[in-house]
Amino acid sequence: MLRSVETTREGRPESISMIFDEVRHALDRQFEQIQTLNGRAQQLLGFAALVVAVLVGLRPPTHGLVSTTTFSIALALFVAVVACGYQAWAIRGWRRDPQPQRLWEHYRSWPDAWLRQQLVLNWIESYAANRERLRAKVQYIRLTQVLLGVETVYLVALTIARPYL
C-alpha cells in the first residue's frame, strides 16, 4: 500500500532514483532465484520419478514379510520425497506490489519523487515478505535432496540385497 505524504521523509531525487534502481534490481534477483529454485524442485521430482521406476522394476517377491517391508520402506521414502518436492515446487503468491493499474488510476498526478519513494518502500516490504517464503522453499528443496539421496542409497542397497531376501 502507498503511504500518505505526511508519513514519509522527503529524500533527494538522486538518492531516491539510485535506491529505486537498487531495490528494483534486488527484487528482480529475488524473482530469478524463485525461478531457479522452481527448476531445481522440478528436477528433483523428475529424478524421484526415475527412482520409483527402479523400485517398480525391482518388484518385491510375493512371499515374505521382510521383503515386503523393505519395499514398503522404499515406497514410503518416495512419498516423503514427493511431498517435500511438491512443497518446494508449489506455486505461491509472491508479493511484488503495487499493481500497475492501481498506480495509474490513483497516483499518476502525484509528484515523481514522492511516488518513487513510495515504490521503494513497497518493494522493500515485498522483498522482506518474499524472503521468508524463499527460505521455506530452500528448506523444502534441501529436505527433498536429502530424502532423495537416502532413498537412492536405500534402493542401491536393496538391489544388492534382493537376491538374498
N, C-alpha and C. Protein backbone atom coordinates (compact mmCIF):
# COMPACT_ATOMS: atom_id res chain seq x y z
N MET A 1 0.84 -1.18 0.00
CA MET A 1 0.00 0.00 0.00
C MET A 1 0.89 1.24 0.00
N LEU A 2 0.45 2.24 -0.70
CA LEU A 2 1.19 3.50 -0.71
C LEU A 2 0.87 4.28 0.54
N ARG A 3 1.84 5.01 1.02
CA ARG A 3 1.68 5.78 2.26
C ARG A 3 1.26 7.21 1.94
N SER A 4 0.77 7.87 2.96
CA SER A 4 0.42 9.28 2.77
C SER A 4 1.69 10.12 2.77
N VAL A 5 1.60 11.30 2.22
CA VAL A 5 2.75 12.19 2.11
C VAL A 5 3.31 12.53 3.48
N GLU A 6 2.46 12.65 4.48
CA GLU A 6 2.90 13.07 5.81
C GLU A 6 3.76 12.03 6.51
N THR A 7 3.61 10.76 6.18
CA THR A 7 4.30 9.71 6.93
C THR A 7 5.70 9.43 6.41
N THR A 8 6.14 10.06 5.35
CA THR A 8 7.46 9.79 4.80
C THR A 8 8.31 11.05 4.76
N ARG A 9 9.61 10.88 4.89
CA ARG A 9 10.54 11.98 4.81
C ARG A 9 10.96 12.16 3.37
N GLU A 10 11.01 13.38 2.91
CA GLU A 10 11.41 13.65 1.54
C GLU A 10 12.91 13.39 1.39
N GLY A 11 13.28 12.71 0.34
CA GLY A 11 14.69 12.45 0.06
C GLY A 11 15.13 13.25 -1.15
N ARG A 12 16.44 13.24 -1.39
CA ARG A 12 16.96 13.91 -2.57
C ARG A 12 16.60 13.08 -3.80
N PRO A 13 16.21 13.73 -4.89
CA PRO A 13 15.79 12.98 -6.08
C PRO A 13 16.86 12.01 -6.59
N GLU A 14 18.14 12.40 -6.52
CA GLU A 14 19.20 11.50 -7.00
C GLU A 14 19.28 10.26 -6.12
N SER A 15 19.16 10.45 -4.81
CA SER A 15 19.23 9.33 -3.88
C SER A 15 18.03 8.40 -4.07
N ILE A 16 16.87 8.99 -4.20
CA ILE A 16 15.67 8.19 -4.40
C ILE A 16 15.78 7.38 -5.69
N SER A 17 16.28 8.02 -6.74
CA SER A 17 16.43 7.33 -8.01
C SER A 17 17.41 6.16 -7.91
N MET A 18 18.52 6.37 -7.22
CA MET A 18 19.51 5.31 -7.06
C MET A 18 18.93 4.16 -6.23
N ILE A 19 18.29 4.50 -5.13
CA ILE A 19 17.69 3.47 -4.27
C ILE A 19 16.59 2.74 -5.03
N PHE A 20 15.81 3.47 -5.79
CA PHE A 20 14.75 2.89 -6.61
C PHE A 20 15.32 1.80 -7.52
N ASP A 21 16.40 2.13 -8.22
CA ASP A 21 17.02 1.16 -9.14
C ASP A 21 17.58 -0.05 -8.38
N GLU A 22 18.24 0.19 -7.25
CA GLU A 22 18.83 -0.91 -6.49
C GLU A 22 17.77 -1.84 -5.92
N VAL A 23 16.72 -1.29 -5.37
CA VAL A 23 15.67 -2.12 -4.78
C VAL A 23 14.93 -2.89 -5.88
N ARG A 24 14.70 -2.23 -7.00
CA ARG A 24 14.05 -2.91 -8.12
C ARG A 24 14.90 -4.08 -8.60
N HIS A 25 16.21 -3.87 -8.71
CA HIS A 25 17.10 -4.95 -9.14
C HIS A 25 17.16 -6.08 -8.10
N ALA A 26 17.13 -5.73 -6.82
CA ALA A 26 17.13 -6.75 -5.77
C ALA A 26 15.87 -7.61 -5.86
N LEU A 27 14.74 -6.98 -6.11
CA LEU A 27 13.50 -7.72 -6.25
C LEU A 27 13.54 -8.59 -7.51
N ASP A 28 14.11 -8.07 -8.59
CA ASP A 28 14.26 -8.87 -9.81
C ASP A 28 15.14 -10.09 -9.56
N ARG A 29 16.24 -9.91 -8.82
CA ARG A 29 17.12 -11.04 -8.49
C ARG A 29 16.39 -12.06 -7.63
N GLN A 30 15.55 -11.57 -6.74
CA GLN A 30 14.78 -12.47 -5.89
C GLN A 30 13.85 -13.33 -6.75
N PHE A 31 13.22 -12.73 -7.74
CA PHE A 31 12.33 -13.49 -8.60
C PHE A 31 13.09 -14.44 -9.51
N GLU A 32 14.31 -14.10 -9.88
CA GLU A 32 15.17 -15.03 -10.63
C GLU A 32 15.51 -16.23 -9.76
N GLN A 33 15.77 -15.98 -8.48
CA GLN A 33 16.06 -17.07 -7.56
C GLN A 33 14.85 -17.98 -7.40
N ILE A 34 13.68 -17.41 -7.37
CA ILE A 34 12.45 -18.20 -7.27
C ILE A 34 12.35 -19.12 -8.48
N GLN A 35 12.61 -18.59 -9.67
CA GLN A 35 12.55 -19.40 -10.89
C GLN A 35 13.59 -20.52 -10.86
N THR A 36 14.79 -20.21 -10.40
CA THR A 36 15.84 -21.21 -10.30
C THR A 36 15.45 -22.32 -9.33
N LEU A 37 14.92 -21.93 -8.18
CA LEU A 37 14.50 -22.93 -7.20
C LEU A 37 13.35 -23.78 -7.70
N ASN A 38 12.43 -23.18 -8.45
CA ASN A 38 11.34 -23.96 -9.04
C ASN A 38 11.89 -24.99 -10.02
N GLY A 39 12.88 -24.58 -10.82
CA GLY A 39 13.51 -25.51 -11.75
C GLY A 39 14.21 -26.64 -11.01
N ARG A 40 14.89 -26.32 -9.93
CA ARG A 40 15.57 -27.34 -9.14
C ARG A 40 14.57 -28.32 -8.54
N ALA A 41 13.48 -27.81 -8.01
CA ALA A 41 12.45 -28.69 -7.45
C ALA A 41 11.88 -29.60 -8.53
N GLN A 42 11.69 -29.07 -9.72
CA GLN A 42 11.17 -29.87 -10.82
C GLN A 42 12.16 -30.98 -11.18
N GLN A 43 13.45 -30.66 -11.20
CA GLN A 43 14.46 -31.68 -11.49
C GLN A 43 14.46 -32.78 -10.43
N LEU A 44 14.34 -32.39 -9.18
CA LEU A 44 14.32 -33.38 -8.11
C LEU A 44 13.11 -34.30 -8.21
N LEU A 45 11.97 -33.72 -8.55
CA LEU A 45 10.77 -34.56 -8.71
C LEU A 45 10.91 -35.49 -9.91
N GLY A 46 11.53 -35.02 -10.97
CA GLY A 46 11.79 -35.89 -12.13
C GLY A 46 12.71 -37.04 -11.76
N PHE A 47 13.75 -36.73 -11.01
CA PHE A 47 14.67 -37.78 -10.58
C PHE A 47 13.95 -38.76 -9.64
N ALA A 48 13.09 -38.25 -8.80
CA ALA A 48 12.32 -39.12 -7.90
C ALA A 48 11.44 -40.07 -8.71
N ALA A 49 10.89 -39.58 -9.82
CA ALA A 49 10.08 -40.45 -10.68
C ALA A 49 10.94 -41.57 -11.26
N LEU A 50 12.18 -41.26 -11.62
CA LEU A 50 13.08 -42.30 -12.12
C LEU A 50 13.39 -43.32 -11.03
N VAL A 51 13.58 -42.83 -9.83
CA VAL A 51 13.88 -43.72 -8.70
C VAL A 51 12.70 -44.65 -8.45
N VAL A 52 11.50 -44.14 -8.51
CA VAL A 52 10.34 -45.01 -8.28
C VAL A 52 10.18 -45.99 -9.44
N ALA A 53 10.60 -45.62 -10.63
CA ALA A 53 10.57 -46.57 -11.74
C ALA A 53 11.50 -47.75 -11.46
N VAL A 54 12.64 -47.45 -10.85
CA VAL A 54 13.55 -48.52 -10.45
C VAL A 54 12.88 -49.39 -9.40
N LEU A 55 12.22 -48.77 -8.46
CA LEU A 55 11.52 -49.51 -7.41
C LEU A 55 10.47 -50.44 -8.01
N VAL A 56 9.71 -49.95 -8.97
CA VAL A 56 8.69 -50.78 -9.61
C VAL A 56 9.37 -51.90 -10.41
N GLY A 57 10.50 -51.58 -11.03
CA GLY A 57 11.22 -52.59 -11.79
C GLY A 57 11.77 -53.70 -10.91
N LEU A 58 12.07 -53.38 -9.66
CA LEU A 58 12.61 -54.38 -8.74
C LEU A 58 11.52 -55.28 -8.16
N ARG A 59 10.30 -54.86 -8.24
CA ARG A 59 9.15 -55.57 -7.67
C ARG A 59 9.52 -56.55 -6.56
N PRO A 60 8.92 -56.39 -5.43
CA PRO A 60 9.26 -57.30 -4.33
C PRO A 60 8.74 -58.71 -4.60
N PRO A 61 9.45 -59.70 -4.10
CA PRO A 61 8.91 -61.05 -4.19
C PRO A 61 7.57 -61.12 -3.46
N THR A 62 6.70 -61.96 -3.90
CA THR A 62 5.36 -62.01 -3.32
C THR A 62 5.33 -62.73 -1.98
N HIS A 63 6.43 -63.29 -1.58
CA HIS A 63 6.43 -64.01 -0.30
C HIS A 63 7.38 -63.33 0.69
N GLY A 64 7.07 -63.45 1.93
CA GLY A 64 7.97 -62.98 2.98
C GLY A 64 7.67 -61.59 3.47
N LEU A 65 7.59 -61.49 4.76
CA LEU A 65 7.32 -60.21 5.42
C LEU A 65 8.51 -59.27 5.30
N VAL A 66 9.73 -59.81 5.35
CA VAL A 66 10.93 -58.97 5.30
C VAL A 66 11.03 -58.25 3.95
N SER A 67 10.85 -58.98 2.86
CA SER A 67 10.96 -58.34 1.55
C SER A 67 9.84 -57.33 1.32
N THR A 68 8.65 -57.65 1.74
CA THR A 68 7.54 -56.72 1.59
C THR A 68 7.78 -55.45 2.41
N THR A 69 8.31 -55.60 3.61
CA THR A 69 8.60 -54.46 4.47
C THR A 69 9.68 -53.58 3.87
N THR A 70 10.75 -54.20 3.35
CA THR A 70 11.84 -53.40 2.78
C THR A 70 11.37 -52.59 1.58
N PHE A 71 10.52 -53.17 0.76
CA PHE A 71 10.00 -52.42 -0.39
C PHE A 71 8.97 -51.38 0.04
N SER A 72 8.26 -51.65 1.11
CA SER A 72 7.31 -50.66 1.63
C SER A 72 8.04 -49.43 2.17
N ILE A 73 9.19 -49.66 2.79
CA ILE A 73 10.00 -48.53 3.28
C ILE A 73 10.45 -47.67 2.11
N ALA A 74 10.86 -48.30 1.01
CA ALA A 74 11.27 -47.54 -0.17
C ALA A 74 10.11 -46.73 -0.73
N LEU A 75 8.94 -47.30 -0.72
CA LEU A 75 7.76 -46.58 -1.20
C LEU A 75 7.42 -45.42 -0.27
N ALA A 76 7.54 -45.62 1.03
CA ALA A 76 7.28 -44.53 1.99
C ALA A 76 8.29 -43.40 1.81
N LEU A 77 9.54 -43.74 1.56
CA LEU A 77 10.55 -42.70 1.28
C LEU A 77 10.18 -41.91 0.02
N PHE A 78 9.70 -42.62 -0.98
CA PHE A 78 9.29 -41.93 -2.22
C PHE A 78 8.15 -40.96 -1.95
N VAL A 79 7.18 -41.37 -1.15
CA VAL A 79 6.06 -40.49 -0.82
C VAL A 79 6.57 -39.24 -0.09
N ALA A 80 7.54 -39.42 0.81
CA ALA A 80 8.11 -38.27 1.52
C ALA A 80 8.85 -37.34 0.56
N VAL A 81 9.58 -37.90 -0.39
CA VAL A 81 10.28 -37.09 -1.39
C VAL A 81 9.28 -36.28 -2.21
N VAL A 82 8.22 -36.91 -2.65
CA VAL A 82 7.21 -36.22 -3.46
C VAL A 82 6.53 -35.13 -2.65
N ALA A 83 6.22 -35.41 -1.40
CA ALA A 83 5.55 -34.41 -0.55
C ALA A 83 6.43 -33.18 -0.36
N CYS A 84 7.70 -33.40 -0.04
CA CYS A 84 8.62 -32.27 0.14
C CYS A 84 8.89 -31.56 -1.19
N GLY A 85 9.06 -32.33 -2.24
CA GLY A 85 9.28 -31.74 -3.56
C GLY A 85 8.11 -30.90 -4.01
N TYR A 86 6.91 -31.37 -3.72
CA TYR A 86 5.72 -30.60 -4.08
C TYR A 86 5.70 -29.27 -3.32
N GLN A 87 6.03 -29.32 -2.03
CA GLN A 87 6.06 -28.08 -1.25
C GLN A 87 7.09 -27.11 -1.81
N ALA A 88 8.22 -27.63 -2.26
CA ALA A 88 9.26 -26.78 -2.83
C ALA A 88 8.84 -26.20 -4.17
N TRP A 89 8.06 -26.95 -4.92
CA TRP A 89 7.70 -26.55 -6.28
C TRP A 89 6.35 -25.84 -6.35
N ALA A 90 5.59 -25.88 -5.29
CA ALA A 90 4.23 -25.33 -5.29
C ALA A 90 4.22 -23.85 -5.69
N ILE A 91 3.19 -23.50 -6.40
CA ILE A 91 3.01 -22.12 -6.82
C ILE A 91 2.54 -21.32 -5.62
N ARG A 92 3.21 -20.26 -5.36
CA ARG A 92 2.89 -19.41 -4.23
C ARG A 92 2.56 -18.01 -4.73
N GLY A 93 1.84 -17.27 -3.93
CA GLY A 93 1.58 -15.87 -4.25
C GLY A 93 2.75 -15.03 -3.78
N TRP A 94 3.58 -14.62 -4.70
CA TRP A 94 4.74 -13.80 -4.37
C TRP A 94 4.34 -12.34 -4.43
N ARG A 95 4.84 -11.57 -3.51
CA ARG A 95 4.46 -10.17 -3.44
C ARG A 95 5.37 -9.33 -4.32
N ARG A 96 4.77 -8.52 -5.14
CA ARG A 96 5.51 -7.59 -5.98
C ARG A 96 4.64 -6.35 -6.18
N ASP A 97 4.27 -5.77 -5.08
CA ASP A 97 3.40 -4.59 -5.11
C ASP A 97 4.13 -3.41 -5.70
N PRO A 98 3.44 -2.41 -6.07
CA PRO A 98 2.00 -2.28 -6.20
C PRO A 98 1.53 -2.73 -7.58
N GLN A 99 0.25 -2.76 -7.74
CA GLN A 99 -0.35 -3.16 -9.01
C GLN A 99 -0.31 -1.99 -9.99
N PRO A 100 0.14 -2.21 -11.22
CA PRO A 100 0.27 -1.11 -12.19
C PRO A 100 -1.04 -0.36 -12.46
N GLN A 101 -2.14 -1.08 -12.56
CA GLN A 101 -3.41 -0.43 -12.85
C GLN A 101 -3.80 0.53 -11.73
N ARG A 102 -3.59 0.09 -10.49
CA ARG A 102 -3.91 0.93 -9.34
C ARG A 102 -3.04 2.19 -9.34
N LEU A 103 -1.76 2.03 -9.65
CA LEU A 103 -0.87 3.19 -9.73
C LEU A 103 -1.39 4.20 -10.75
N TRP A 104 -1.74 3.70 -11.90
CA TRP A 104 -2.20 4.58 -12.98
C TRP A 104 -3.48 5.31 -12.58
N GLU A 105 -4.41 4.57 -12.03
CA GLU A 105 -5.70 5.15 -11.69
C GLU A 105 -5.64 6.16 -10.54
N HIS A 106 -4.79 5.92 -9.54
CA HIS A 106 -4.83 6.73 -8.33
C HIS A 106 -3.65 7.68 -8.14
N TYR A 107 -2.52 7.41 -8.75
CA TYR A 107 -1.33 8.16 -8.39
C TYR A 107 -0.59 8.82 -9.56
N ARG A 108 -1.17 8.81 -10.74
CA ARG A 108 -0.43 9.35 -11.89
C ARG A 108 -0.20 10.86 -11.81
N SER A 109 -0.97 11.58 -11.03
CA SER A 109 -0.77 13.03 -10.94
C SER A 109 0.05 13.45 -9.72
N TRP A 110 0.51 12.50 -8.93
CA TRP A 110 1.33 12.81 -7.76
C TRP A 110 2.74 13.16 -8.18
N PRO A 111 3.48 13.86 -7.34
CA PRO A 111 4.87 14.24 -7.67
C PRO A 111 5.75 12.99 -7.86
N ASP A 112 6.64 13.09 -8.83
CA ASP A 112 7.50 11.97 -9.21
C ASP A 112 8.35 11.48 -8.03
N ALA A 113 8.99 12.39 -7.30
CA ALA A 113 9.87 12.00 -6.20
C ALA A 113 9.09 11.26 -5.11
N TRP A 114 7.91 11.74 -4.78
CA TRP A 114 7.10 11.09 -3.76
C TRP A 114 6.70 9.69 -4.21
N LEU A 115 6.28 9.58 -5.48
CA LEU A 115 5.83 8.29 -5.99
C LEU A 115 6.99 7.29 -6.03
N ARG A 116 8.17 7.74 -6.45
CA ARG A 116 9.34 6.85 -6.43
C ARG A 116 9.65 6.37 -5.02
N GLN A 117 9.55 7.27 -4.07
CA GLN A 117 9.82 6.92 -2.68
C GLN A 117 8.81 5.88 -2.19
N GLN A 118 7.56 6.04 -2.56
CA GLN A 118 6.54 5.08 -2.16
C GLN A 118 6.78 3.71 -2.80
N LEU A 119 7.20 3.73 -4.06
CA LEU A 119 7.50 2.45 -4.72
C LEU A 119 8.66 1.75 -4.03
N VAL A 120 9.67 2.50 -3.67
CA VAL A 120 10.82 1.92 -2.97
C VAL A 120 10.36 1.29 -1.65
N LEU A 121 9.56 1.99 -0.90
CA LEU A 121 9.07 1.46 0.38
C LEU A 121 8.24 0.18 0.17
N ASN A 122 7.41 0.18 -0.86
CA ASN A 122 6.62 -1.00 -1.17
C ASN A 122 7.50 -2.17 -1.56
N TRP A 123 8.49 -1.93 -2.39
CA TRP A 123 9.37 -3.01 -2.85
C TRP A 123 10.19 -3.56 -1.70
N ILE A 124 10.59 -2.72 -0.77
CA ILE A 124 11.34 -3.20 0.39
C ILE A 124 10.45 -4.13 1.22
N GLU A 125 9.21 -3.76 1.42
CA GLU A 125 8.27 -4.63 2.13
C GLU A 125 8.03 -5.93 1.37
N SER A 126 7.91 -5.85 0.06
CA SER A 126 7.71 -7.03 -0.77
C SER A 126 8.91 -7.97 -0.66
N TYR A 127 10.09 -7.39 -0.73
CA TYR A 127 11.31 -8.18 -0.64
C TYR A 127 11.37 -8.94 0.68
N ALA A 128 11.05 -8.26 1.76
CA ALA A 128 11.07 -8.90 3.09
C ALA A 128 10.01 -10.00 3.19
N ALA A 129 8.83 -9.74 2.67
CA ALA A 129 7.76 -10.75 2.71
C ALA A 129 8.14 -11.98 1.88
N ASN A 130 8.72 -11.78 0.73
CA ASN A 130 9.11 -12.90 -0.13
C ASN A 130 10.30 -13.67 0.44
N ARG A 131 11.17 -12.98 1.18
CA ARG A 131 12.35 -13.63 1.72
C ARG A 131 11.98 -14.81 2.62
N GLU A 132 10.93 -14.65 3.42
CA GLU A 132 10.51 -15.75 4.30
C GLU A 132 10.00 -16.94 3.50
N ARG A 133 9.25 -16.68 2.47
CA ARG A 133 8.75 -17.77 1.62
C ARG A 133 9.89 -18.44 0.87
N LEU A 134 10.87 -17.65 0.46
CA LEU A 134 12.04 -18.21 -0.21
C LEU A 134 12.83 -19.12 0.72
N ARG A 135 12.98 -18.71 1.96
CA ARG A 135 13.69 -19.55 2.93
C ARG A 135 12.98 -20.90 3.08
N ALA A 136 11.67 -20.87 3.16
CA ALA A 136 10.90 -22.11 3.27
C ALA A 136 11.10 -22.97 2.03
N LYS A 137 11.08 -22.35 0.86
CA LYS A 137 11.28 -23.08 -0.39
C LYS A 137 12.65 -23.74 -0.41
N VAL A 138 13.68 -23.02 0.01
CA VAL A 138 15.03 -23.59 0.05
C VAL A 138 15.09 -24.76 1.02
N GLN A 139 14.44 -24.62 2.17
CA GLN A 139 14.44 -25.71 3.15
C GLN A 139 13.77 -26.97 2.59
N TYR A 140 12.66 -26.79 1.89
CA TYR A 140 11.99 -27.95 1.29
C TYR A 140 12.85 -28.58 0.20
N ILE A 141 13.55 -27.77 -0.56
CA ILE A 141 14.43 -28.33 -1.59
C ILE A 141 15.57 -29.12 -0.95
N ARG A 142 16.16 -28.56 0.10
CA ARG A 142 17.22 -29.28 0.81
C ARG A 142 16.70 -30.60 1.38
N LEU A 143 15.54 -30.56 1.99
CA LEU A 143 14.96 -31.78 2.56
C LEU A 143 14.67 -32.80 1.46
N THR A 144 14.16 -32.33 0.33
CA THR A 144 13.90 -33.21 -0.80
C THR A 144 15.19 -33.86 -1.28
N GLN A 145 16.27 -33.07 -1.38
CA GLN A 145 17.55 -33.63 -1.80
C GLN A 145 18.04 -34.70 -0.83
N VAL A 146 17.94 -34.43 0.46
CA VAL A 146 18.40 -35.40 1.45
C VAL A 146 17.58 -36.68 1.37
N LEU A 147 16.26 -36.53 1.33
CA LEU A 147 15.40 -37.71 1.25
C LEU A 147 15.64 -38.50 -0.03
N LEU A 148 15.85 -37.80 -1.12
CA LEU A 148 16.12 -38.46 -2.39
C LEU A 148 17.45 -39.20 -2.34
N GLY A 149 18.43 -38.59 -1.71
CA GLY A 149 19.73 -39.26 -1.54
C GLY A 149 19.59 -40.51 -0.68
N VAL A 150 18.85 -40.40 0.41
CA VAL A 150 18.63 -41.55 1.28
C VAL A 150 17.91 -42.65 0.52
N GLU A 151 16.90 -42.28 -0.24
CA GLU A 151 16.15 -43.29 -0.99
C GLU A 151 17.02 -43.94 -2.06
N THR A 152 17.85 -43.17 -2.72
CA THR A 152 18.72 -43.74 -3.74
C THR A 152 19.70 -44.74 -3.12
N VAL A 153 20.32 -44.38 -2.02
CA VAL A 153 21.24 -45.29 -1.33
C VAL A 153 20.48 -46.53 -0.86
N TYR A 154 19.29 -46.31 -0.34
CA TYR A 154 18.48 -47.43 0.14
C TYR A 154 18.15 -48.38 -1.01
N LEU A 155 17.79 -47.84 -2.17
CA LEU A 155 17.44 -48.69 -3.30
C LEU A 155 18.66 -49.42 -3.85
N VAL A 156 19.82 -48.78 -3.82
CA VAL A 156 21.04 -49.47 -4.25
C VAL A 156 21.31 -50.65 -3.32
N ALA A 157 21.19 -50.40 -2.01
CA ALA A 157 21.39 -51.48 -1.05
C ALA A 157 20.35 -52.57 -1.22
N LEU A 158 19.12 -52.17 -1.51
CA LEU A 158 18.05 -53.15 -1.73
C LEU A 158 18.30 -53.97 -2.99
N THR A 159 18.84 -53.33 -4.01
CA THR A 159 19.16 -54.03 -5.25
C THR A 159 20.22 -55.10 -4.99
N ILE A 160 21.21 -54.74 -4.19
CA ILE A 160 22.27 -55.69 -3.86
C ILE A 160 21.73 -56.81 -2.99
N ALA A 161 20.87 -56.48 -2.05
CA ALA A 161 20.37 -57.48 -1.09
C ALA A 161 19.19 -58.28 -1.63
N ARG A 162 18.58 -57.86 -2.72
CA ARG A 162 17.35 -58.50 -3.22
C ARG A 162 17.49 -60.01 -3.43
N PRO A 163 18.56 -60.49 -4.01
CA PRO A 163 18.64 -61.95 -4.20
C PRO A 163 18.64 -62.74 -2.89
N TYR A 164 18.98 -62.08 -1.80
CA TYR A 164 19.06 -62.77 -0.52
C TYR A 164 17.78 -62.68 0.30
N LEU A 165 16.80 -61.91 -0.20
CA LEU A 165 15.55 -61.75 0.54
C LEU A 165 14.62 -62.91 0.30
